[in-house]
Amino acid sequence: MSLHSVPKTDTLRKLDDPRLVRSFSYIDGKWCSAADGAEITVTNPANGAVLGSIASLSAAESRGAVDAAAKAFGPWADLLPQERARLLRRWFDLMGQHREDLARIMVLEQGKPISEARGEIDYAASFLEFYSEEAKRPNIEGVTSHLADAEVEIWREPVGVAALITPWNFPAAMLTRKAGAALAAGCTVVAHPSAETPFSALALAELAERAGIPAGVFNVVTGDAPVVVEPWTQDKRVRVLSFTGSTPVGRLLYRQCADTVKTLVMELGGHAPFIVFSDADLDRAVSEAVKAKFATSGQDCLGANRFFIARPVYDDFCARFTQATKALRVGPGMDDPDIGPLMNTGAVAKQVAHVKDALARGAKLLIGGDVLPNGPLFYAPTVLADVPMDADIMREETFGPVAALTPFDSEDEVVAAANATEYGLVAYVHTIDPRRIYRMSRSLEFGMVAVNRTKVTGAPIPFGGFKQSGLGREGARLGMEAFTEVKYVCRDWG
């Protein structure tokens, strides 16, 4: 297979620009197969069809990507910030020009509805635009000196090589959110996308190359995650590691990085509460609850998992939410349904297990609860009522289209229940009482609180959570901090 060939599948060949589909890793400005020819097969979750294969690189080849990034770091860091900004802006422009192809690639490998995929491409591109602008901001801060004969400054300098590890549920946005900040700060990048959704990342590498980003600055290494990533955790030249994924894997990476004392940015699991008080606009609360639960077929760390509903409106909310769930359309992503397939059999098994456990503990099944005839990875949108707090679904992230509802009687009770988790990413609150809005915003132990709405994310906001939902923040100017070192200069002119 030549380095410019694309997988022999009709689905991925039906693009306006088939060269966006790459099967090889991108290292030091070159498209690379594995030395031993190893490959990983990628399938369409909607129908199991083979989309193609990607190179599965060895640990030695993964270290070679760090070699390339380390070599490119000095020249990239020395570029004028305006030049880095120009290249990021060009990358952003190219994403816009190829929006539809990028969305199609994502649907075929990830399964989400095409309208959601288009939205993710816009979201992903927004990080490149935002950080192209932030790259130009001055990074020297004057400080009033505490010494009579000295001048004091604080500089921010790029830390070095950054390792980025991205998940399958948002294969474009999680890469640009990390890479945009790292490149704007002056770091070089080695990135590892999920082997389940690699084509989105490789398409972005193709566009980065077209944008003129120099060889070695942005590298994408495909393959088995432990093989690719472990050398990066042990390499002293990799100064920062940014990971989005599960909390258990985050803990493992935390331990592996300890010996080289890396800066870590981790966006880990979520277990979001969705709280509806009796004074809420119930129509709006139901509409937002559907968005919070079923976007990306529930496979979203921001997805609402536990629904706490004030007892006076509980029955009404359950009825309305069940009706809204019943109206959701399920199907393959290219048909633009409301719910697409889950990513793999493990995800389906988790839905089955959580529903079975909840019912065994006394919950009521209002709708759903089955694998659908559409295919083995399609699980019906499901609503469970009267779910007890000791059910697995109230303690573990479901990451699928199952909603667990339970009533509450007091504000103190619901705050305690919402906070009774190791996670702390996002919480959703519906009420019109301004004093309660303030109290809840202060009391909930979550990095983000959404009041009377669901959509809160965007390039200008600091994304991240409390407790075991992660470390650090992504997005906003804060998202660049992990990729810089603070240098204090105390100067006497003599």
Protein backbone atom coordinates (compact mmCIF):
# COMPACT_ATOMS: atom_id res chain seq x y z
CA MET A 1 0.00 0.00 0.00
CA SER A 2 1.41 3.38 -0.94
CA LEU A 3 1.66 6.17 1.57
CA HIS A 4 -1.02 8.10 -0.31
CA SER A 5 -3.54 5.28 -0.69
CA VAL A 6 -6.87 5.21 1.13
CA PRO A 7 -8.82 2.24 2.48
CA LYS A 8 -10.64 0.23 -0.18
CA THR A 9 -14.11 0.95 1.15
CA ASP A 10 -16.89 2.71 -0.72
CA THR A 11 -18.04 4.60 2.38
CA LEU A 12 -14.75 6.35 3.06
CA ARG A 13 -13.98 6.87 -0.60
CA LYS A 14 -17.18 8.85 -1.12
CA LEU A 15 -15.65 12.13 0.02
CA ASP A 16 -15.09 15.34 -1.87
CA ASP A 17 -11.41 14.97 -0.95
CA PRO A 18 -10.49 11.27 -0.47
CA ARG A 19 -6.92 12.23 0.47
CA LEU A 20 -8.24 13.24 3.88
CA VAL A 21 -8.48 9.53 4.69
CA ARG A 22 -5.07 8.36 5.85
CA SER A 23 -4.06 4.91 7.09
CA PHE A 24 -0.60 5.77 8.41
CA SER A 25 0.89 7.57 11.37
CA TYR A 26 2.20 11.09 10.77
CA ILE A 27 5.69 11.59 12.21
CA ASP A 28 8.25 14.27 11.38
CA GLY A 29 6.25 15.39 8.36
CA LYS A 30 6.07 11.87 6.89
CA TRP A 31 3.31 9.26 6.65
CA CYS A 32 4.64 6.09 8.29
CA SER A 33 3.54 2.47 8.34
CA ALA A 34 4.67 0.13 11.10
CA ALA A 35 8.07 -1.43 10.43
CA ASP A 36 6.63 -4.89 10.98
CA GLY A 37 3.51 -4.15 8.94
CA ALA A 38 1.18 -4.40 11.94
CA GLU A 39 -2.26 -2.90 11.47
CA ILE A 40 -5.50 -2.36 13.40
CA THR A 41 -8.85 -2.77 11.67
CA VAL A 42 -11.42 0.01 12.09
CA THR A 43 -15.14 -0.73 11.73
CA ASN A 44 -18.36 1.23 11.42
CA PRO A 45 -20.32 0.80 14.70
CA ALA A 46 -23.64 1.18 12.86
CA ASN A 47 -23.22 -1.97 10.76
CA GLY A 48 -19.88 -3.59 11.57
CA ALA A 49 -18.52 -2.89 8.09
CA VAL A 50 -14.75 -2.60 7.83
CA LEU A 51 -13.73 0.97 7.09
CA GLY A 52 -10.04 0.22 6.72
CA SER A 53 -6.89 -0.39 8.69
CA ILE A 54 -4.37 1.88 10.38
CA ALA A 55 -0.72 1.38 11.16
CA SER A 56 -0.05 -0.09 14.59
CA LEU A 57 3.33 1.30 15.63
CA SER A 58 5.79 -0.21 18.07
CA ALA A 59 7.18 1.35 21.24
CA ALA A 60 10.43 2.15 19.43
CA GLU A 61 8.54 3.92 16.64
CA SER A 62 6.53 5.82 19.25
CA ARG A 63 9.80 7.01 20.81
CA GLY A 64 10.82 8.11 17.32
CA ALA A 65 7.89 10.52 17.32
CA VAL A 66 9.28 12.09 20.51
CA ASP A 67 12.67 12.37 18.78
CA ALA A 68 11.00 14.33 15.98
CA ALA A 69 9.06 16.57 18.36
CA ALA A 70 12.12 17.26 20.50
CA LYS A 71 14.16 18.20 17.42
CA ALA A 72 11.41 20.53 16.19
CA PHE A 73 10.80 22.18 19.57
CA GLY A 74 13.57 24.81 19.49
CA PRO A 75 12.74 26.26 16.06
CA TRP A 76 8.99 26.19 16.79
CA ALA A 77 9.37 27.89 20.17
CA ASP A 78 11.62 30.53 18.59
CA LEU A 79 9.06 31.47 15.93
CA LEU A 80 7.38 34.80 16.37
CA PRO A 81 4.04 34.25 18.09
CA GLN A 82 2.40 35.93 15.10
CA GLU A 83 3.78 33.21 12.83
CA ARG A 84 2.46 30.40 15.03
CA ALA A 85 -0.86 32.24 15.05
CA ARG A 86 -0.91 32.45 11.26
CA LEU A 87 -0.37 28.71 10.89
CA LEU A 88 -3.07 27.85 13.43
CA ARG A 89 -5.46 30.19 11.65
CA ARG A 90 -4.70 28.51 8.34
CA TRP A 91 -5.43 25.12 9.93
CA PHE A 92 -8.74 26.52 11.20
CA ASP A 93 -9.63 27.79 7.72
CA LEU A 94 -8.92 24.39 6.17
CA MET A 95 -11.17 22.68 8.70
CA GLY A 96 -13.98 24.97 7.62
CA GLN A 97 -13.35 24.25 3.95
CA HIS A 98 -13.49 20.48 4.55
CA ARG A 99 -16.23 20.51 7.19
CA GLU A 100 -18.55 18.07 5.45
CA ASP A 101 -15.87 15.48 4.71
CA LEU A 102 -14.56 15.67 8.27
CA ALA A 103 -18.09 15.17 9.60
CA ARG A 104 -18.67 12.17 7.33
CA ILE A 105 -15.44 10.52 8.46
CA MET A 106 -16.51 11.00 12.07
CA VAL A 107 -19.97 9.50 11.55
CA LEU A 108 -18.56 6.43 9.83
CA GLU A 109 -16.00 5.63 12.51
CA GLN A 110 -17.77 6.93 15.62
CA GLY A 111 -21.47 6.56 14.82
CA LYS A 112 -22.86 9.89 16.01
CA PRO A 113 -25.62 11.59 13.95
CA ILE A 114 -24.30 13.68 11.06
CA SER A 115 -25.73 16.91 12.49
CA GLU A 116 -23.85 16.27 15.76
CA ALA A 117 -20.70 15.49 13.78
CA ARG A 118 -20.94 18.78 11.89
CA GLY A 119 -21.37 20.52 15.24
CA GLU A 120 -18.28 18.82 16.59
CA ILE A 121 -16.21 19.89 13.58
CA ASP A 122 -17.29 23.50 14.19
CA TYR A 123 -16.48 23.10 17.88
CA ALA A 124 -13.09 21.55 17.10
CA ALA A 125 -12.21 24.30 14.65
CA SER A 126 -13.14 26.98 17.19
CA PHE A 127 -10.20 25.93 19.39
CA LEU A 128 -7.75 26.51 16.55
CA GLU A 129 -9.27 29.93 15.92
CA PHE A 130 -9.26 30.84 19.62
CA TYR A 131 -5.67 29.77 20.23
CA SER A 132 -4.48 31.40 17.03
CA GLU A 133 -5.55 34.63 18.68
CA GLU A 134 -4.20 33.76 22.14
CA ALA A 135 -0.81 32.91 20.64
CA LYS A 136 -0.24 36.61 19.97
CA ARG A 137 -0.91 37.82 23.52
CA PRO A 138 2.15 39.16 25.38
CA ASN A 139 3.58 36.67 27.85
CA ILE A 140 5.73 38.94 30.00
CA GLU A 141 4.25 40.43 33.15
CA GLY A 142 5.85 43.30 35.02
CA VAL A 143 5.83 43.07 38.80
CA THR A 144 6.43 45.83 41.30
CA SER A 145 9.86 45.08 42.66
CA HIS A 146 10.41 44.39 46.33
CA LEU A 147 14.10 45.30 45.91
CA ALA A 148 15.24 48.89 45.57
CA ASP A 149 17.91 48.18 42.98
CA ALA A 150 16.22 45.47 40.88
CA GLU A 151 13.73 45.13 38.08
CA VAL A 152 11.36 42.13 38.26
CA GLU A 153 9.56 40.28 35.45
CA ILE A 154 7.62 37.05 35.09
CA TRP A 155 7.91 35.20 31.81
CA ARG A 156 5.92 32.26 30.44
CA GLU A 157 7.94 29.93 28.25
CA PRO A 158 6.87 26.76 26.40
CA VAL A 159 7.52 23.65 28.44
CA GLY A 160 8.72 21.37 25.62
CA VAL A 161 7.20 18.24 24.08
CA ALA A 162 3.54 17.62 24.94
CA ALA A 163 1.89 14.20 24.75
CA LEU A 164 -1.82 14.27 23.95
CA ILE A 165 -4.09 11.24 24.36
CA THR A 166 -7.61 11.60 22.96
CA PRO A 167 -10.81 9.52 23.24
CA TRP A 168 -13.21 8.02 20.73
CA ASN A 169 -16.33 9.98 21.64
CA PHE A 170 -15.08 13.40 20.45
CA PRO A 171 -12.22 12.44 18.12
CA ALA A 172 -11.75 15.87 16.54
CA ALA A 173 -12.58 18.36 19.30
CA MET A 174 -10.51 16.72 22.02
CA LEU A 175 -7.47 16.80 19.75
CA THR A 176 -7.75 20.44 18.67
CA ARG A 177 -8.58 21.62 22.20
CA LYS A 178 -5.29 20.17 23.41
CA ALA A 179 -3.14 20.76 20.33
CA GLY A 180 -4.33 24.32 19.76
CA ALA A 181 -3.26 25.34 23.25
CA ALA A 182 0.04 23.45 23.12
CA LEU A 183 1.09 24.77 19.72
CA ALA A 184 0.05 28.32 20.56
CA ALA A 185 2.22 28.17 23.67
CA GLY A 186 5.21 27.07 21.59
CA CYS A 187 5.21 23.36 22.45
CA THR A 188 5.52 20.53 19.97
CA VAL A 189 3.12 17.61 20.06
CA VAL A 190 2.96 13.83 19.95
CA ALA A 191 -0.68 12.72 19.84
CA HIS A 192 -2.31 9.32 20.17
CA PRO A 193 -5.94 8.99 19.02
CA SER A 194 -8.20 6.12 20.03
CA ALA A 195 -7.71 3.10 17.78
CA GLU A 196 -11.50 2.97 17.41
CA THR A 197 -11.70 6.44 15.81
CA PRO A 198 -8.29 7.23 14.29
CA PHE A 199 -9.32 8.58 10.90
CA SER A 200 -10.56 11.90 12.30
CA ALA A 201 -7.18 12.62 13.88
CA LEU A 202 -5.29 11.57 10.76
CA ALA A 203 -7.47 13.84 8.63
CA LEU A 204 -6.55 16.71 10.95
CA ALA A 205 -2.88 15.82 10.52
CA GLU A 206 -3.34 15.99 6.76
CA LEU A 207 -4.84 19.48 7.10
CA ALA A 208 -2.09 20.55 9.52
CA GLU A 209 0.46 19.56 6.89
CA ARG A 210 -1.42 21.53 4.23
CA ALA A 211 -1.56 24.51 6.60
CA GLY A 212 2.23 24.56 6.67
CA ILE A 213 2.85 23.44 10.24
CA PRO A 214 6.53 22.36 10.13
CA ALA A 215 7.67 18.76 10.22
CA GLY A 216 7.96 17.35 13.74
CA VAL A 217 5.75 19.98 15.34
CA PHE A 218 2.52 17.96 15.20
CA ASN A 219 2.84 14.16 15.18
CA VAL A 220 0.04 11.58 15.28
CA VAL A 221 0.98 8.05 16.36
CA THR A 222 -1.56 5.27 15.84
CA GLY A 223 -1.59 1.83 17.40
CA ASP A 224 -2.32 0.02 20.63
CA ALA A 225 -2.59 2.57 23.44
CA PRO A 226 -0.32 0.90 26.05
CA VAL A 227 2.38 0.29 23.44
CA VAL A 228 2.31 3.84 22.08
CA VAL A 229 1.78 5.79 25.29
CA GLU A 230 3.93 4.06 27.90
CA PRO A 231 7.22 5.22 26.29
CA TRP A 232 5.94 8.78 26.49
CA THR A 233 5.19 8.48 30.21
CA GLN A 234 8.79 7.38 30.83
CA ASP A 235 10.51 9.88 28.49
CA LYS A 236 11.97 12.92 30.29
CA ARG A 237 11.68 14.98 27.12
CA VAL A 238 7.90 14.76 27.34
CA ARG A 239 7.21 17.46 29.89
CA VAL A 240 3.42 17.51 29.89
CA LEU A 241 0.79 14.83 29.28
CA SER A 242 -2.82 15.70 28.54
CA PHE A 243 -5.37 12.89 28.65
CA THR A 244 -9.11 12.65 28.12
CA GLY A 245 -10.67 9.35 29.09
CA SER A 246 -11.79 7.20 31.99
CA THR A 247 -10.78 7.79 35.59
CA PRO A 248 -9.20 4.32 35.98
CA VAL A 249 -6.91 4.92 32.99
CA GLY A 250 -6.18 8.41 34.31
CA ARG A 251 -5.01 6.90 37.60
CA LEU A 252 -2.73 4.51 35.71
CA LEU A 253 -1.16 7.33 33.68
CA TYR A 254 -0.75 9.38 36.86
CA ARG A 255 1.33 6.57 38.37
CA GLN A 256 3.34 6.00 35.19
CA CYS A 257 4.26 9.69 34.93
CA ALA A 258 5.41 10.00 38.55
CA ASP A 259 9.06 9.10 37.95
CA THR A 260 9.48 11.86 35.36
CA VAL A 261 7.38 14.41 37.32
CA LYS A 262 5.35 15.60 34.36
CA THR A 263 2.69 18.25 34.34
CA LEU A 264 -0.62 16.45 33.93
CA VAL A 265 -3.90 17.66 32.48
CA MET A 266 -6.66 15.11 32.85
CA GLU A 267 -10.29 15.32 31.82
CA LEU A 268 -11.70 12.14 33.31
CA GLY A 269 -15.08 10.65 34.10
CA GLY A 270 -18.28 12.45 34.92
CA HIS A 271 -21.44 11.49 36.81
CA ALA A 272 -23.55 14.56 36.30
CA PRO A 273 -26.63 15.26 38.42
CA PHE A 274 -29.63 16.91 36.75
CA ILE A 275 -31.67 18.66 39.43
CA VAL A 276 -35.18 20.00 38.86
CA PHE A 277 -36.90 22.06 41.58
CA SER A 278 -40.67 22.45 41.77
CA ASP A 279 -40.55 26.09 40.59
CA ALA A 280 -38.71 25.21 37.35
CA ASP A 281 -40.16 25.73 33.89
CA LEU A 282 -41.02 22.06 33.39
CA ASP A 283 -41.27 22.20 29.59
CA ARG A 284 -37.81 23.69 29.42
CA ALA A 285 -36.44 21.29 32.01
CA VAL A 286 -37.68 18.28 30.03
CA SER A 287 -36.30 19.65 26.78
CA GLU A 288 -32.89 20.32 28.33
CA ALA A 289 -32.92 16.94 30.09
CA VAL A 290 -33.26 15.18 26.74
CA LYS A 291 -30.25 17.11 25.44
CA ALA A 292 -28.22 16.48 28.58
CA LYS A 293 -28.90 12.73 28.53
CA PHE A 294 -29.02 11.68 24.90
CA ALA A 295 -26.48 13.80 23.01
CA THR A 296 -23.81 11.56 21.45
CA SER A 297 -26.15 8.67 22.33
CA GLY A 298 -25.32 9.34 25.99
CA GLN A 299 -21.60 8.75 25.37
CA ASP A 300 -20.47 12.08 26.77
CA CYS A 301 -18.61 12.87 29.99
CA LEU A 302 -21.00 15.82 30.36
CA GLY A 303 -24.02 13.54 29.97
CA ALA A 304 -26.57 13.70 32.79
CA ASN A 305 -26.61 10.40 34.64
CA ARG A 306 -28.65 10.97 37.80
CA PHE A 307 -31.93 12.89 37.58
CA PHE A 308 -33.13 14.33 40.89
CA ILE A 309 -36.67 15.71 40.59
CA ALA A 310 -38.58 17.60 43.31
CA ARG A 311 -41.40 15.39 44.56
CA PRO A 312 -44.27 17.82 43.77
CA VAL A 313 -43.41 17.71 40.05
CA TYR A 314 -41.86 14.24 39.94
CA ASP A 315 -44.73 12.33 38.35
CA ASP A 316 -45.36 15.08 35.80
CA PHE A 317 -41.67 15.24 34.87
CA CYS A 318 -41.45 11.45 34.55
CA ALA A 319 -44.44 11.37 32.19
CA ARG A 320 -43.21 14.24 30.01
CA PHE A 321 -39.62 13.01 29.89
CA THR A 322 -40.77 9.51 28.96
CA GLN A 323 -42.90 10.90 26.12
CA ALA A 324 -39.99 12.99 24.85
CA THR A 325 -37.72 9.94 25.01
CA LYS A 326 -40.27 7.83 23.14
CA ALA A 327 -40.16 10.34 20.27
CA LEU A 328 -36.40 9.97 19.75
CA ARG A 329 -35.37 8.43 16.44
CA VAL A 330 -32.70 5.71 16.45
CA GLY A 331 -30.58 4.78 13.45
CA PRO A 332 -27.25 5.02 11.62
CA GLY A 333 -25.55 8.39 11.84
CA MET A 334 -25.77 9.26 8.15
CA ASP A 335 -29.60 9.17 8.46
CA ASP A 336 -29.26 11.94 11.08
CA PRO A 337 -31.25 10.28 13.87
CA ASP A 338 -31.42 11.46 17.47
CA ILE A 339 -29.61 8.34 18.73
CA GLY A 340 -26.89 6.42 16.92
CA PRO A 341 -25.09 3.19 17.81
CA LEU A 342 -22.94 2.78 20.88
CA MET A 343 -19.21 2.49 20.28
CA ASN A 344 -18.61 -1.15 21.18
CA THR A 345 -20.03 -4.25 22.83
CA GLY A 346 -18.62 -3.21 26.20
CA ALA A 347 -20.75 -0.07 26.13
CA VAL A 348 -23.88 -2.10 25.39
CA ALA A 349 -23.06 -4.57 28.14
CA LYS A 350 -22.82 -1.73 30.64
CA GLN A 351 -26.31 -0.46 29.76
CA VAL A 352 -27.71 -3.97 30.12
CA ALA A 353 -26.01 -4.46 33.49
CA HIS A 354 -27.06 -1.10 34.91
CA VAL A 355 -30.69 -1.55 33.90
CA LYS A 356 -30.83 -5.10 35.26
CA ASP A 357 -29.30 -4.01 38.58
CA ALA A 358 -31.64 -1.01 38.97
CA LEU A 359 -34.74 -3.12 38.29
CA ALA A 360 -33.57 -5.74 40.76
CA ARG A 361 -33.32 -3.02 43.40
CA GLY A 362 -36.87 -1.79 42.83
CA ALA A 363 -36.64 0.75 39.99
CA LYS A 364 -39.43 0.96 37.42
CA LEU A 365 -38.83 0.72 33.68
CA LEU A 366 -40.82 3.49 31.97
CA ILE A 367 -39.48 2.95 28.45
CA GLY A 368 -36.68 1.12 26.63
CA GLY A 369 -34.40 -1.37 28.29
CA ASP A 370 -33.52 -3.43 25.23
CA VAL A 371 -30.95 -3.89 22.48
CA LEU A 372 -32.72 -2.85 19.28
CA PRO A 373 -33.06 -4.84 16.04
CA ASN A 374 -31.15 -2.07 14.20
CA GLY A 375 -27.93 -3.85 15.12
CA PRO A 376 -25.98 -5.23 18.11
CA LEU A 377 -24.66 -1.78 19.14
CA PHE A 378 -28.03 -0.01 19.15
CA TYR A 379 -29.53 0.31 22.63
CA ALA A 380 -32.98 1.77 23.15
CA PRO A 381 -33.26 5.17 24.86
CA THR A 382 -34.27 4.12 28.37
CA VAL A 383 -35.93 5.80 31.34
CA LEU A 384 -35.88 4.29 34.83
CA ALA A 385 -37.97 5.78 37.67
CA ASP A 386 -37.71 5.45 41.45
CA VAL A 387 -34.08 4.40 41.20
CA PRO A 388 -32.60 3.83 44.67
CA MET A 389 -29.32 5.48 45.62
CA ASP A 390 -27.59 2.13 46.07
CA ALA A 391 -28.16 1.12 42.43
CA ASP A 392 -25.01 0.84 40.33
CA ILE A 393 -26.27 3.49 37.90
CA MET A 394 -26.41 6.01 40.76
CA ARG A 395 -22.77 5.30 41.65
CA GLU A 396 -21.12 4.66 38.27
CA GLU A 397 -20.95 6.57 35.01
CA THR A 398 -23.30 4.86 32.52
CA PHE A 399 -21.98 6.43 29.30
CA GLY A 400 -25.06 5.47 27.33
CA PRO A 401 -28.74 6.29 26.71
CA VAL A 402 -30.13 5.26 30.10
CA ALA A 403 -31.64 7.89 32.42
CA ALA A 404 -32.12 7.20 36.13
CA LEU A 405 -34.82 9.29 37.86
CA THR A 406 -35.51 9.64 41.58
CA PRO A 407 -37.50 12.15 43.69
CA PHE A 408 -36.19 14.44 46.44
CA ASP A 409 -37.84 16.48 49.20
CA SER A 410 -35.40 19.21 50.23
CA GLU A 411 -32.54 21.30 48.93
CA ASP A 412 -30.12 19.97 51.53
CA GLU A 413 -31.07 16.41 50.63
CA VAL A 414 -30.47 16.85 46.92
CA VAL A 415 -27.15 18.68 47.40
CA ALA A 416 -25.89 15.84 49.57
CA ALA A 417 -27.04 13.24 47.03
CA ALA A 418 -25.57 15.11 44.07
CA ASN A 419 -22.20 15.52 45.81
CA ALA A 420 -22.08 11.87 46.95
CA THR A 421 -19.72 10.80 44.17
CA GLU A 422 -16.00 10.71 43.44
CA TYR A 423 -16.73 12.67 40.27
CA GLY A 424 -17.24 16.40 39.92
CA LEU A 425 -17.32 17.51 36.29
CA VAL A 426 -20.67 19.22 35.63
CA ALA A 427 -24.02 19.65 37.37
CA TYR A 428 -27.32 20.83 35.88
CA VAL A 429 -29.84 22.83 37.91
CA HIS A 430 -33.33 24.01 36.96
CA THR A 431 -34.99 26.64 39.16
CA ILE A 432 -36.08 30.26 38.79
CA ASP A 433 -35.31 31.30 42.37
CA PRO A 434 -32.22 33.56 42.19
CA ARG A 435 -31.26 32.88 45.80
CA ARG A 436 -31.46 29.13 45.21
CA ILE A 437 -29.42 29.48 42.02
CA TYR A 438 -26.68 31.16 44.05
CA ARG A 439 -26.82 28.59 46.85
CA MET A 440 -26.75 25.65 44.47
CA SER A 441 -23.94 27.12 42.39
CA ARG A 442 -21.88 27.46 45.56
CA SER A 443 -22.82 24.14 47.16
CA LEU A 444 -22.39 21.74 44.26
CA GLU A 445 -18.88 20.25 44.16
CA PHE A 446 -18.47 20.38 40.39
CA GLY A 447 -16.12 22.27 38.11
CA MET A 448 -19.00 23.51 35.95
CA VAL A 449 -22.60 24.33 36.85
CA ALA A 450 -25.25 24.82 34.17
CA VAL A 451 -28.39 26.68 35.30
CA ASN A 452 -31.59 26.31 33.24
CA ARG A 453 -29.62 25.15 30.21
CA THR A 454 -27.46 22.30 28.95
CA LYS A 455 -24.93 23.69 26.49
CA VAL A 456 -22.08 25.37 28.37
CA THR A 457 -18.94 24.39 26.48
CA GLY A 458 -16.91 26.51 24.07
CA ALA A 459 -13.38 27.60 23.33
CA PRO A 460 -13.38 30.62 25.71
CA ILE A 461 -14.42 28.67 28.83
CA PRO A 462 -12.19 26.67 31.24
CA PHE A 463 -13.35 23.06 30.92
CA GLY A 464 -12.60 20.69 33.78
CA GLY A 465 -13.79 19.15 37.00
CA PHE A 466 -13.29 18.65 40.72
CA LYS A 467 -12.19 15.53 42.57
CA GLN A 468 -11.56 12.49 40.35
CA SER A 469 -13.03 14.12 37.28
CA GLY A 470 -9.59 15.45 36.48
CA LEU A 471 -6.72 17.87 36.87
CA GLY A 472 -6.27 21.29 35.31
CA ARG A 473 -8.43 23.02 32.75
CA GLU A 474 -8.75 22.95 28.97
CA GLY A 475 -9.97 25.78 26.80
CA ALA A 476 -9.77 29.47 27.61
CA ARG A 477 -6.45 31.14 28.34
CA LEU A 478 -6.16 28.81 31.33
CA GLY A 479 -5.83 25.96 28.85
CA MET A 480 -2.37 27.21 27.85
CA GLU A 481 -0.97 27.26 31.38
CA ALA A 482 -0.05 23.57 31.51
CA PHE A 483 2.04 23.99 28.37
CA THR A 484 4.17 26.78 29.82
CA GLU A 485 6.73 27.20 32.58
CA VAL A 486 6.86 30.33 34.72
CA LYS A 487 10.27 31.98 34.78
CA TYR A 488 11.03 34.74 37.26
CA VAL A 489 13.72 37.24 36.22
CA CYS A 490 15.24 39.62 38.75
CA ARG A 491 17.53 42.05 36.95
CA ASP A 492 20.08 44.62 38.07
CA TRP A 493 21.41 46.76 35.21
CA GLY A 494 24.71 47.32 37.07
